[in-house]
PDB file of N, CA and C in Angstrom:
ATOM      1  N   MET A   1      85.387  84.885 105.536  1.00  0.00           N
ATOM      2  CA  MET A   1      84.294  85.803 105.448  1.00  0.00           C
ATOM      3  C   MET A   1      84.578  86.810 104.334  1.00  0.00           C
ATOM      4  N   VAL A   2      83.600  87.112 103.526  1.00  0.00           N
ATOM      5  CA  VAL A   2      83.735  88.067 102.433  1.00  0.00           C
ATOM      6  C   VAL A   2      83.337  89.450 102.942  1.00  0.00           C
ATOM      7  N   SER A   3      84.169  90.447 102.665  1.00  0.00           N
ATOM      8  CA  SER A   3      83.887  91.807 103.103  1.00  0.00           C
ATOM      9  C   SER A   3      82.786  92.425 102.256  1.00  0.00           C
ATOM     10  N   THR A   4      81.942  93.229 102.890  1.00  0.00           N
ATOM     11  CA  THR A   4      80.895  93.949 102.168  1.00  0.00           C
ATOM     12  C   THR A   4      81.159  95.447 102.166  1.00  0.00           C
ATOM     13  N   ARG A   5      82.311  95.866 102.666  1.00  0.00           N
ATOM     14  CA  ARG A   5      82.629  97.287 102.696  1.00  0.00           C
ATOM     15  C   ARG A   5      83.576  97.645 101.560  1.00  0.00           C
ATOM     16  N   SER A   6      83.632  98.912 101.292  1.00  0.00           N
ATOM     17  CA  SER A   6      84.535  99.439 100.274  1.00  0.00           C
ATOM     18  C   SER A   6      85.973  99.054 100.602  1.00  0.00           C
ATOM     19  N   PRO A   7      86.812  98.760  99.599  1.00  0.00           N
ATOM     20  CA  PRO A   7      88.209  98.433  99.857  1.00  0.00           C
ATOM     21  C   PRO A   7      89.034  99.639 100.317  1.00  0.00           C
ATOM     22  N   ILE A   8      88.496 100.849 100.146  1.00  0.00           N
ATOM     23  CA  ILE A   8      89.135 102.068 100.638  1.00  0.00           C
ATOM     24  C   ILE A   8      88.114 102.798 101.497  1.00  0.00           C
ATOM     25  N   THR A   9      88.474 103.058 102.754  1.00  0.00           N
ATOM     26  CA  THR A   9      87.590 103.754 103.680  1.00  0.00           C
ATOM     27  C   THR A   9      88.371 104.837 104.408  1.00  0.00           C
ATOM     28  N   THR A  10      87.632 105.724 105.084  1.00  0.00           N
ATOM     29  CA  THR A  10      88.265 106.757 105.884  1.00  0.00           C
ATOM     30  C   THR A  10      87.468 106.990 107.155  1.00  0.00           C
ATOM     31  N   HIS A  11      88.113 107.585 108.124  1.00  0.00           N
ATOM     32  CA  HIS A  11      87.491 107.957 109.389  1.00  0.00           C
ATOM     33  C   HIS A  11      88.142 109.264 109.818  1.00  0.00           C
ATOM     34  N   ALA A  12      87.362 110.325 109.926  1.00  0.00           N
ATOM     35  CA  ALA A  12      87.901 111.630 110.286  1.00  0.00           C
ATOM     36  C   ALA A  12      87.443 112.015 111.684  1.00  0.00           C
ATOM     37  N   LEU A  13      88.406 112.418 112.500  1.00  0.00           N
ATOM     38  CA  LEU A  13      88.126 112.859 113.863  1.00  0.00           C
ATOM     39  C   LEU A  13      88.563 114.306 114.024  1.00  0.00           C
ATOM     40  N   ASP A  14      87.707 115.105 114.626  1.00  0.00           N
ATOM     41  CA  ASP A  14      88.013 116.504 114.903  1.00  0.00           C
ATOM     42  C   ASP A  14      88.657 116.554 116.284  1.00  0.00           C
ATOM     43  N   THR A  15      89.970 116.650 116.322  1.00  0.00           N
ATOM     44  CA  THR A  15      90.681 116.578 117.603  1.00  0.00           C
ATOM     45  C   THR A  15      90.475 117.832 118.451  1.00  0.00           C
ATOM     46  N   ALA A  16      90.123 118.951 117.835  1.00  0.00           N
ATOM     47  CA  ALA A  16      89.870 120.171 118.600  1.00  0.00           C
ATOM     48  C   ALA A  16      88.560 120.065 119.380  1.00  0.00           C
ATOM     49  N   LEU A  17      87.576 119.403 118.799  1.00  0.00           N
ATOM     50  CA  LEU A  17      86.287 119.229 119.470  1.00  0.00           C
ATOM     51  C   LEU A  17      86.196 117.906 120.223  1.00  0.00           C
ATOM     52  N   GLY A  18      87.073 116.971 119.886  1.00  0.00           N
ATOM     53  CA  GLY A  18      87.009 115.659 120.505  1.00  0.00           C
ATOM     54  C   GLY A  18      85.834 114.838 120.027  1.00  0.00           C
ATOM     55  N   THR A  19      85.448 115.035 118.762  1.00  0.00           N
ATOM     56  CA  THR A  19      84.297 114.339 118.187  1.00  0.00           C
ATOM     57  C   THR A  19      84.617 113.863 116.775  1.00  0.00           C
ATOM     58  N   PRO A  20      83.790 112.962 116.232  1.00  0.00           N
ATOM     59  CA  PRO A  20      83.933 112.635 114.814  1.00  0.00           C
ATOM     60  C   PRO A  20      83.711 113.895 113.972  1.00  0.00           C
ATOM     61  N   ALA A  21      84.388 113.992 112.852  1.00  0.00           N
ATOM     62  CA  ALA A  21      84.214 115.117 111.924  1.00  0.00           C
ATOM     63  C   ALA A  21      83.029 114.806 111.021  1.00  0.00           C
ATOM     64  N   ARG A  22      81.840 115.075 111.520  1.00  0.00           N
ATOM     65  CA  ARG A  22      80.593 114.809 110.785  1.00  0.00           C
ATOM     66  C   ARG A  22      80.420 115.804 109.646  1.00  0.00           C
ATOM     67  N   GLY A  23      80.023 115.327 108.469  1.00  0.00           N
ATOM     68  CA  GLY A  23      79.724 116.215 107.350  1.00  0.00           C
ATOM     69  C   GLY A  23      80.928 116.726 106.600  1.00  0.00           C
ATOM     70  N   LEU A  24      82.063 116.066 106.733  1.00  0.00           N
ATOM     71  CA  LEU A  24      83.287 116.463 106.021  1.00  0.00           C
ATOM     72  C   LEU A  24      83.272 115.845 104.623  1.00  0.00           C
ATOM     73  N   GLY A  25      83.285 116.671 103.607  1.00  0.00           N
ATOM     74  CA  GLY A  25      83.288 116.191 102.233  1.00  0.00           C
ATOM     75  C   GLY A  25      84.659 115.685 101.816  1.00  0.00           C
ATOM     76  N   ALA A  26      84.654 114.654 100.954  1.00  0.00           N
ATOM     77  CA  ALA A  26      85.916 114.084 100.484  1.00  0.00           C
ATOM     78  C   ALA A  26      85.744 113.518  99.081  1.00  0.00           C
ATOM     79  N   VAL A  27      86.830 113.576  98.319  1.00  0.00           N
ATOM     80  CA  VAL A  27      86.857 113.032  96.959  1.00  0.00           C
ATOM     81  C   VAL A  27      87.971 111.995  96.900  1.00  0.00           C
ATOM     82  N   LEU A  28      87.670 110.831  96.342  1.00  0.00           N
ATOM     83  CA  LEU A  28      88.637 109.752  96.148  1.00  0.00           C
ATOM     84  C   LEU A  28      88.992 109.682  94.677  1.00  0.00           C
ATOM     85  N   GLU A  29      90.301 109.688  94.373  1.00  0.00           N
ATOM     86  CA  GLU A  29      90.771 109.635  92.990  1.00  0.00           C
ATOM     87  C   GLU A  29      91.825 108.552  92.818  1.00  0.00           C
ATOM     88  N   TYR A  30      91.878 108.007  91.615  1.00  0.00           N
ATOM     89  CA  TYR A  30      92.960 107.108  91.203  1.00  0.00           C
ATOM     90  C   TYR A  30      93.917 107.939  90.374  1.00  0.00           C
ATOM     91  N   LEU A  31      95.225 107.862  90.655  1.00  0.00           N
ATOM     92  CA  LEU A  31      96.215 108.709  89.986  1.00  0.00           C
ATOM     93  C   LEU A  31      97.076 107.929  89.010  1.00  0.00           C
ATOM     94  N   GLY A  32      96.513 107.001  88.290  1.00  0.00           N
ATOM     95  CA  GLY A  32      97.264 106.211  87.320  1.00  0.00           C
ATOM     96  C   GLY A  32      97.660 107.041  86.112  1.00  0.00           C
ATOM     97  N   ASP A  33      97.905 106.382  84.985  1.00  0.00           N
ATOM     98  CA  ASP A  33      98.288 107.089  83.759  1.00  0.00           C
ATOM     99  C   ASP A  33      97.272 108.165  83.394  1.00  0.00           C
ATOM    100  N   THR A  34      96.008 107.876  83.629  1.00  0.00           N
ATOM    101  CA  THR A  34      94.942 108.840  83.409  1.00  0.00           C
ATOM    102  C   THR A  34      94.207 109.033  84.730  1.00  0.00           C
ATOM    103  N   PRO A  35      94.551 110.079  85.495  1.00  0.00           N
ATOM    104  CA  PRO A  35      93.876 110.292  86.781  1.00  0.00           C
ATOM    105  C   PRO A  35      92.371 110.395  86.589  1.00  0.00           C
ATOM    106  N   ARG A  36      91.645 109.813  87.560  1.00  0.00           N
ATOM    107  CA  ARG A  36      90.185 109.867  87.458  1.00  0.00           C
ATOM    108  C   ARG A  36      89.551 109.841  88.848  1.00  0.00           C
ATOM    109  N   GLU A  37      88.448 110.551  88.934  1.00  0.00           N
ATOM    110  CA  GLU A  37      87.680 110.550  90.170  1.00  0.00           C
ATOM    111  C   GLU A  37      86.938 109.229  90.281  1.00  0.00           C
ATOM    112  N   LEU A  38      87.040 108.602  91.453  1.00  0.00           N
ATOM    113  CA  LEU A  38      86.348 107.343  91.690  1.00  0.00           C
ATOM    114  C   LEU A  38      85.061 107.533  92.470  1.00  0.00           C
ATOM    115  N   ALA A  39      85.069 108.479  93.419  1.00  0.00           N
ATOM    116  CA  ALA A  39      83.887 108.660  94.258  1.00  0.00           C
ATOM    117  C   ALA A  39      83.977 109.967  95.029  1.00  0.00           C
ATOM    118  N   ARG A  40      82.802 110.431  95.445  1.00  0.00           N
ATOM    119  CA  ARG A  40      82.683 111.564  96.359  1.00  0.00           C
ATOM    120  C   ARG A  40      81.833 111.099  97.526  1.00  0.00           C
ATOM    121  N   GLY A  41      82.085 111.673  98.673  1.00  0.00           N
ATOM    122  CA  GLY A  41      81.276 111.314  99.823  1.00  0.00           C
ATOM    123  C   GLY A  41      81.377 112.345 100.912  1.00  0.00           C
ATOM    124  N   THR A  42      80.560 112.150 101.930  1.00  0.00           N
ATOM    125  CA  THR A  42      80.542 112.995 103.108  1.00  0.00           C
ATOM    126  C   THR A  42      80.565 112.091 104.319  1.00  0.00           C
ATOM    127  N   THR A  43      81.376 112.431 105.300  1.00  0.00           N
ATOM    128  CA  THR A  43      81.471 111.586 106.481  1.00  0.00           C
ATOM    129  C   THR A  43      80.130 111.526 107.216  1.00  0.00           C
ATOM    130  N   ASP A  44      79.844 110.359 107.756  1.00  0.00           N
ATOM    131  CA  ASP A  44      78.595 110.137 108.474  1.00  0.00           C
ATOM    132  C   ASP A  44      78.701 110.642 109.917  1.00  0.00           C
ATOM    133  N   ASP A  45      77.718 110.332 110.743  1.00  0.00           N
ATOM    134  CA  ASP A  45      77.711 110.818 112.126  1.00  0.00           C
ATOM    135  C   ASP A  45      78.892 110.311 112.942  1.00  0.00           C
ATOM    136  N   ASP A  46      79.492 109.199 112.506  1.00  0.00           N
ATOM    137  CA  ASP A  46      80.668 108.670 113.192  1.00  0.00           C
ATOM    138  C   ASP A  46      81.967 109.140 112.534  1.00  0.00           C
ATOM    139  N   GLY A  47      81.864 110.039 111.530  1.00  0.00           N
ATOM    140  CA  GLY A  47      83.042 110.567 110.848  1.00  0.00           C
ATOM    141  C   GLY A  47      83.622 109.629 109.802  1.00  0.00           C
ATOM    142  N   ARG A  48      82.816 108.667 109.340  1.00  0.00           N
ATOM    143  CA  ARG A  48      83.327 107.644 108.423  1.00  0.00           C
ATOM    144  C   ARG A  48      82.709 107.738 107.031  1.00  0.00           C
ATOM    145  N   ILE A  49      83.500 107.283 106.062  1.00  0.00           N
ATOM    146  CA  ILE A  49      82.992 106.976 104.721  1.00  0.00           C
ATOM    147  C   ILE A  49      83.414 105.540 104.452  1.00  0.00           C
ATOM    148  N   THR A  50      82.445 104.658 104.340  1.00  0.00           N
ATOM    149  CA  THR A  50      82.737 103.228 104.174  1.00  0.00           C
ATOM    150  C   THR A  50      82.120 102.645 102.905  1.00  0.00           C
ATOM    151  N   ASP A  51      81.472 103.493 102.101  1.00  0.00           N
ATOM    152  CA  ASP A  51      80.733 102.982 100.952  1.00  0.00           C
ATOM    153  C   ASP A  51      81.155 103.597  99.617  1.00  0.00           C
ATOM    154  N   TRP A  52      82.417 104.038  99.523  1.00  0.00           N
ATOM    155  CA  TRP A  52      82.886 104.660  98.288  1.00  0.00           C
ATOM    156  C   TRP A  52      82.837 103.722  97.090  1.00  0.00           C
ATOM    157  N   LEU A  53      83.313 102.503  97.254  1.00  0.00           N
ATOM    158  CA  LEU A  53      83.492 101.583  96.128  1.00  0.00           C
ATOM    159  C   LEU A  53      82.835 100.239  96.422  1.00  0.00           C
ATOM    160  N   PRO A  54      82.558  99.459  95.373  1.00  0.00           N
ATOM    161  CA  PRO A  54      82.060  98.101  95.593  1.00  0.00           C
ATOM    162  C   PRO A  54      83.103  97.254  96.331  1.00  0.00           C
ATOM    163  N   ALA A  55      82.644  96.272  97.051  1.00  0.00           N
ATOM    164  CA  ALA A  55      83.537  95.390  97.821  1.00  0.00           C
ATOM    165  C   ALA A  55      84.231  94.412  96.885  1.00  0.00           C
ATOM    166  N   GLN A  56      85.272  94.891  96.222  1.00  0.00           N
ATOM    167  CA  GLN A  56      86.069  94.070  95.308  1.00  0.00           C
ATOM    168  C   GLN A  56      87.467  94.667  95.232  1.00  0.00           C
ATOM    169  N   PRO A  57      88.449  93.916  94.753  1.00  0.00           N
ATOM    170  CA  PRO A  57      89.816  94.455  94.669  1.00  0.00           C
ATOM    171  C   PRO A  57      89.884  95.716  93.805  1.00  0.00           C
ATOM    172  N   VAL A  58      90.837  96.584  94.140  1.00  0.00           N
ATOM    173  CA  VAL A  58      91.078  97.804  93.376  1.00  0.00           C
ATOM    174  C   VAL A  58      92.372  97.667  92.593  1.00  0.00           C
ATOM    175  N   GLU A  59      92.605  98.581  91.680  1.00  0.00           N
ATOM    176  CA  GLU A  59      93.856  98.573  90.913  1.00  0.00           C
ATOM    177  C   GLU A  59      95.020  98.966  91.806  1.00  0.00           C
ATOM    178  N   PRO A  60      96.171  98.325  91.627  1.00  0.00           N
ATOM    179  CA  PRO A  60      97.349  98.822  92.336  1.00  0.00           C
ATOM    180  C   PRO A  60      97.727 100.189  91.774  1.00  0.00           C
ATOM    181  N   GLY A  61      98.366 100.996  92.581  1.00  0.00           N
ATOM    182  CA  GLY A  61      98.801 102.309  92.111  1.00  0.00           C
ATOM    183  C   GLY A  61      98.574 103.387  93.145  1.00  0.00           C
ATOM    184  N   LEU A  62      98.720 104.621  92.686  1.00  0.00           N
ATOM    185  CA  LEU A  62      98.578 105.787  93.559  1.00  0.00           C
ATOM    186  C   LEU A  62      97.135 106.264  93.612  1.00  0.00           C
ATOM    187  N   TYR A  63      96.725 106.646  94.817  1.00  0.00           N
ATOM    188  CA  TYR A  63      95.378 107.162  95.059  1.00  0.00           C
ATOM    189  C   TYR A  63      95.495 108.468  95.834  1.00  0.00           C
ATOM    190  N   ARG A  64      94.414 109.255  95.787  1.00  0.00           N
ATOM    191  CA  ARG A  64      94.396 110.514  96.522  1.00  0.00           C
ATOM    192  C   ARG A  64      93.003 110.711  97.124  1.00  0.00           C
ATOM    193  N   ILE A  65      92.993 111.145  98.381  1.00  0.00           N
ATOM    194  CA  ILE A  65      91.755 111.601  99.014  1.00  0.00           C
ATOM    195  C   ILE A  65      91.945 113.083  99.314  1.00  0.00           C
ATOM    196  N   THR A  66      90.996 113.902  98.866  1.00  0.00           N
ATOM    197  CA  THR A  66      91.019 115.332  99.147  1.00  0.00           C
ATOM    198  C   THR A  66      89.832 115.656 100.049  1.00  0.00           C
ATOM    199  N   PHE A  67      90.135 116.151 101.242  1.00  0.00           N
ATOM    200  CA  PHE A  67      89.108 116.510 102.207  1.00  0.00           C
ATOM    201  C   PHE A  67      88.831 118.008 102.135  1.00  0.00           C
ATOM    202  N   ALA A  68      87.570 118.398 102.127  1.00  0.00           N
ATOM    203  CA  ALA A  68      87.158 119.808 102.050  1.00  0.00           C
ATOM    204  C   ALA A  68      87.105 120.402 103.455  1.00  0.00           C
ATOM    205  N   THR A  69      88.269 120.651 104.024  1.00  0.00           N
ATOM    206  CA  THR A  69      88.335 121.066 105.419  1.00  0.00           C
ATOM    207  C   THR A  69      87.818 122.486 105.653  1.00  0.00           C
ATOM    208  N   ALA A  70      88.007 123.405 104.720  1.00  0.00           N
ATOM    209  CA  ALA A  70      87.493 124.769 104.909  1.00  0.00           C
ATOM    210  C   ALA A  70      85.973 124.757 105.010  1.00  0.00           C
ATOM    211  N   ASP A  71      85.319 123.995 104.149  1.00  0.00           N
ATOM    212  CA  ASP A  71      83.850 123.902 104.193  1.00  0.00           C
ATOM    213  C   ASP A  71      83.384 123.292 105.507  1.00  0.00           C
ATOM    214  N   TYR A  72      84.079 122.249 105.960  1.00  0.00           N
ATOM    215  CA  TYR A  72      83.729 121.605 107.227  1.00  0.00           C
ATOM    216  C   TYR A  72      83.875 122.579 108.390  1.00  0.00           C
ATOM    217  N   LEU A  73      85.005 123.278 108.447  1.00  0.00           N
ATOM    218  CA  LEU A  73      85.232 124.218 109.541  1.00  0.00           C
ATOM    219  C   LEU A  73      84.228 125.367 109.499  1.00  0.00           C
ATOM    220  N   ALA A  74      83.917 125.877 108.313  1.00  0.00           N
ATOM    221  CA  ALA A  74      82.929 126.950 108.191  1.00  0.00           C
ATOM    222  C   ALA A  74      81.563 126.495 108.714  1.00  0.00           C
ATOM    223  N   ALA A  75      81.217 125.239 108.454  1.00  0.00           N
ATOM    224  CA  ALA A  75      79.930 124.703 108.922  1.00  0.00           C
ATOM    225  C   ALA A  75      79.871 124.609 110.445  1.00  0.00           C
ATOM    226  N   THR A  76      81.035 124.634 111.093  1.00  0.00           N
ATOM    227  CA  THR A  76      81.090 124.593 112.553  1.00  0.00           C
ATOM    228  C   THR A  76      81.544 125.952 113.114  1.00  0.00           C
ATOM    229  N   ASP A  77      81.365 127.009 112.296  1.00  0.00           N
ATOM    230  CA  ASP A  77      81.679 128.386 112.687  1.00  0.00           C
ATOM    231  C   ASP A  77      83.125 128.584 113.115  1.00  0.00           C
ATOM    232  N   ARG A  78      84.034 127.914 112.385  1.00  0.00           N
ATOM    233  CA  ARG A  78      85.465 128.060 112.665  1.00  0.00           C
ATOM    234  C   ARG A  78      86.211 128.310 111.361  1.00  0.00           C
ATOM    235  N   THR A  79      87.404 128.834 111.488  1.00  0.00           N
ATOM    236  CA  THR A  79      88.309 128.960 110.352  1.00  0.00           C
ATOM    237  C   THR A  79      89.544 128.134 110.679  1.00  0.00           C
ATOM    238  N   GLY A  80      90.351 127.905 109.667  1.00  0.00           N
ATOM    239  CA  GLY A  80      91.556 127.127 109.878  1.00  0.00           C
ATOM    240  C   GLY A  80      92.642 127.530 108.918  1.00  0.00           C
ATOM    241  N   PHE A  81      93.742 126.844 108.997  1.00  0.00           N
ATOM    242  CA  PHE A  81      94.911 127.146 108.186  1.00  0.00           C
ATOM    243  C   PHE A  81      94.921 126.374 106.871  1.00  0.00           C
ATOM    244  N   TYR A  82      94.362 125.175 106.868  1.00  0.00           N
ATOM    245  CA  TYR A  82      94.388 124.302 105.691  1.00  0.00           C
ATOM    246  C   TYR A  82      92.999 124.226 105.054  1.00  0.00           C
ATOM    247  N   PRO A  83      92.799 124.837 103.876  1.00  0.00           N
ATOM    248  CA  PRO A  83      91.483 124.789 103.231  1.00  0.00           C
ATOM    249  C   PRO A  83      91.132 123.398 102.699  1.00  0.00           C
ATOM    250  N   ARG A  84      92.163 122.618 102.413  1.00  0.00           N
ATOM    251  CA  ARG A  84      91.988 121.227 101.957  1.00  0.00           C
ATOM    252  C   ARG A  84      93.091 120.396 102.587  1.00  0.00           C
ATOM    253  N   VAL A  85      92.774 119.156 102.825  1.00  0.00           N
ATOM    254  CA  VAL A  85      93.803 118.197 103.213  1.00  0.00           C
ATOM    255  C   VAL A  85      93.856 117.165 102.099  1.00  0.00           C
ATOM    256  N   VAL A  86      95.035 116.995 101.529  1.00  0.00           N
ATOM    257  CA  VAL A  86      95.233 116.064 100.424  1.00  0.00           C
ATOM    258  C   VAL A  86      96.143 114.944 100.903  1.00  0.00           C
ATOM    259  N   ILE A  87      95.645 113.716 100.814  1.00  0.00           N
ATOM    260  CA  ILE A  87      96.426 112.558 101.229  1.00  0.00           C
ATOM    261  C   ILE A  87      96.605 111.655 100.018  1.00  0.00           C
ATOM    262  N   GLU A  88      97.851 111.432  99.625  1.00  0.00           N
ATOM    263  CA  GLU A  88      98.164 110.494  98.551  1.00  0.00           C
ATOM    264  C   GLU A  88      98.762 109.248  99.166  1.00  0.00           C
ATOM    265  N   PHE A  89      98.377 108.099  98.636  1.00  0.00           N
ATOM    266  CA  PHE A  89      98.867 106.829  99.161  1.00  0.00           C
ATOM    267  C   PHE A  89      98.954 105.821  98.030  1.00  0.00           C
ATOM    268  N   GLU A  90      99.753 104.797  98.254  1.00  0.00           N
ATOM    269  CA  GLU A  90      99.981 103.784  97.218  1.00  0.00           C
ATOM    270  C   GLU A  90      99.422 102.437  97.661  1.00  0.00           C
ATOM    271  N   ILE A  91      98.681 101.825  96.762  1.00  0.00           N
ATOM    272  CA  ILE A  91      98.144 100.489  96.998  1.00  0.00           C
ATOM    273  C   ILE A  91      98.983  99.486  96.211  1.00  0.00           C
ATOM    274  N   THR A  92      99.585  98.556  96.926  1.00  0.00           N
ATOM    275  CA  THR A  92     100.380  97.505  96.288  1.00  0.00           C
ATOM    276  C   THR A  92      99.683  96.149  96.375  1.00  0.00           C
ATOM    277  N   ASP A  93      98.773  95.995  97.326  1.00  0.00           N
ATOM    278  CA  ASP A  93      97.994  94.763  97.470  1.00  0.00           C
ATOM    279  C   ASP A  93      96.533  95.098  97.186  1.00  0.00           C
ATOM    280  N   PRO A  94      96.089  94.900  95.943  1.00  0.00           N
ATOM    281  CA  PRO A  94      94.743  95.331  95.562  1.00  0.00           C
ATOM    282  C   PRO A  94      93.618  94.590  96.278  1.00  0.00           C
ATOM    283  N   ALA A  95      93.900  93.434  96.860  1.00  0.00           N
ATOM    284  CA  ALA A  95      92.856  92.671  97.549  1.00  0.00           C
ATOM    285  C   ALA A  95      92.713  93.081  99.016  1.00  0.00           C
ATOM    286  N   ALA A  96      93.661  93.858  99.537  1.00  0.00           N
ATOM    287  CA  ALA A  96      93.633  94.258 100.946  1.00  0.00           C
ATOM    288  C   ALA A  96      92.653  95.411 101.163  1.00  0.00           C
ATOM    289  N   HIS A  97      92.245  95.575 102.416  1.00  0.00           N
ATOM    290  CA  HIS A  97      91.454  96.739 102.800  1.00  0.00           C
ATOM    291  C   HIS A  97      92.408  97.884 103.129  1.00  0.00           C
ATOM    292  N   HIS A  98      92.083  99.093 102.682  1.00  0.00           N
ATOM    293  CA  HIS A  98      92.935 100.263 102.898  1.00  0.00           C
ATOM    294  C   HIS A  98      92.127 101.331 103.622  1.00  0.00           C
ATOM    295  N   HIS A  99      92.477 101.538 104.893  1.00  0.00           N
ATOM    296  CA  HIS A  99      91.771 102.505 105.731  1.00  0.00           C
ATOM    297  C   HIS A  99      92.692 103.697 105.943  1.00  0.00           C
ATOM    298  N   VAL A 100      92.183 104.901 105.636  1.00  0.00           N
ATOM    299  CA  VAL A 100      92.991 106.122 105.675  1.00  0.00           C
ATOM    300  C   VAL A 100      92.339 107.112 106.647  1.00  0.00           C
ATOM    301  N   PRO A 101      92.709 107.063 107.932  1.00  0.00           N
ATOM    302  CA  PRO A 101      92.136 107.982 108.911  1.00  0.00           C
ATOM    303  C   PRO A 101      92.735 109.388 108.802  1.00  0.00           C
ATOM    304  N   LEU A 102      91.940 110.360 109.257  1.00  0.00           N
ATOM    305  CA  LEU A 102      92.393 111.754 109.310  1.00  0.00           C
ATOM    306  C   LEU A 102      92.081 112.291 110.708  1.00  0.00           C
ATOM    307  N   LEU A 103      93.102 112.809 111.376  1.00  0.00           N
ATOM    308  CA  LEU A 103      92.938 113.520 112.643  1.00  0.00           C
ATOM    309  C   LEU A 103      93.077 114.999 112.315  1.00  0.00           C
ATOM    310  N   LEU A 104      92.032 115.770 112.578  1.00  0.00           N
ATOM    311  CA  LEU A 104      91.930 117.132 112.068  1.00  0.00           C
ATOM    312  C   LEU A 104      91.690 118.138 113.191  1.00  0.00           C
ATOM    313  N   SER A 105      92.341 119.287 113.081  1.00  0.00           N
ATOM    314  CA  SER A 105      92.025 120.447 113.901  1.00  0.00           C
ATOM    315  C   SER A 105      92.123 121.665 112.986  1.00  0.00           C
ATOM    316  N   PRO A 106      91.685 122.824 113.419  1.00  0.00           N
ATOM    317  CA  PRO A 106      91.788 123.996 112.546  1.00  0.00           C
ATOM    318  C   PRO A 106      93.219 124.343 112.144  1.00  0.00           C
ATOM    319  N   TRP A 107      94.205 123.920 112.935  1.00  0.00           N
ATOM    320  CA  TRP A 107      95.584 124.351 112.698  1.00  0.00           C
ATOM    321  C   TRP A 107      96.532 123.219 112.337  1.00  0.00           C
ATOM    322  N   GLY A 108      96.023 122.017 112.181  1.00  0.00           N
ATOM    323  CA  GLY A 108      96.896 120.917 111.826  1.00  0.00           C
ATOM    324  C   GLY A 108      96.111 119.650 111.534  1.00  0.00           C
ATOM    325  N   TYR A 109      96.826 118.642 111.040  1.00  0.00           N
ATOM    326  CA  TYR A 109      96.220 117.351 110.769  1.00  0.00           C
ATOM    327  C   TYR A 109      97.298 116.280 110.759  1.00  0.00           C
ATOM    328  N   SER A 110      96.869 115.045 110.910  1.00  0.00           N
ATOM    329  CA  SER A 110      97.762 113.917 110.735  1.00  0.00           C
ATOM    330  C   SER A 110      96.964 112.763 110.177  1.00  0.00           C
ATOM    331  N   THR A 111      97.686 111.796 109.634  1.00  0.00           N
ATOM    332  CA  THR A 111      97.062 110.622 109.037  1.00  0.00           C
ATOM    333  C   THR A 111      98.010 109.445 109.202  1.00  0.00           C
ATOM    334  N   TYR A 112      97.494 108.259 108.970  1.00  0.00           N
ATOM    335  CA  TYR A 112      98.293 107.042 109.088  1.00  0.00           C
ATOM    336  C   TYR A 112      97.562 105.930 108.366  1.00  0.00           C
ATOM    337  N   ARG A 113      98.228 104.805 108.184  1.00  0.00           N
ATOM    338  CA  ARG A 113      97.595 103.629 107.587  1.00  0.00           C
ATOM    339  C   ARG A 113      96.828 102.923 108.698  1.00  0.00           C
ATOM    340  N   GLY A 114      95.521 102.922 108.577  1.00  0.00           N
ATOM    341  CA  GLY A 114      94.665 102.306 109.584  1.00  0.00           C
ATOM    342  C   GLY A 114      94.388 100.845 109.263  1.00  0.00           C
ATOM    343  N   SER A 115      93.515 100.276 110.060  1.00  0.00           N
ATOM    344  CA  SER A 115      93.158  98.865 109.846  1.00  0.00           C
ATOM    345  C   SER A 115      91.643  98.711 109.714  1.00  0.00           C
TER     346      SER A 115
END
């Protein structure tokens, strides 16, 4: 089966509220010899961004997702400690799907390699 989703996706959950982090802005960048922005997006009602890139292999190398957590928290009438969450990761298999989840609260966050 051929995938129709972006080769890089994310899913953000607001662990303090126990809900998807709806409306969280994020920027995807490639950090090769010449860093460049690849896409911008906002998480949907399920806290996901699945349409950043065309469904095709990506370049191997370092990537970065920057989440606008201060803006998200302000939109929910909260403040937090981290104004941005920056996640850098390395792609070694350009044909694989790379899912980068974010578990977020006003005072902390975690991430892992998802599936």
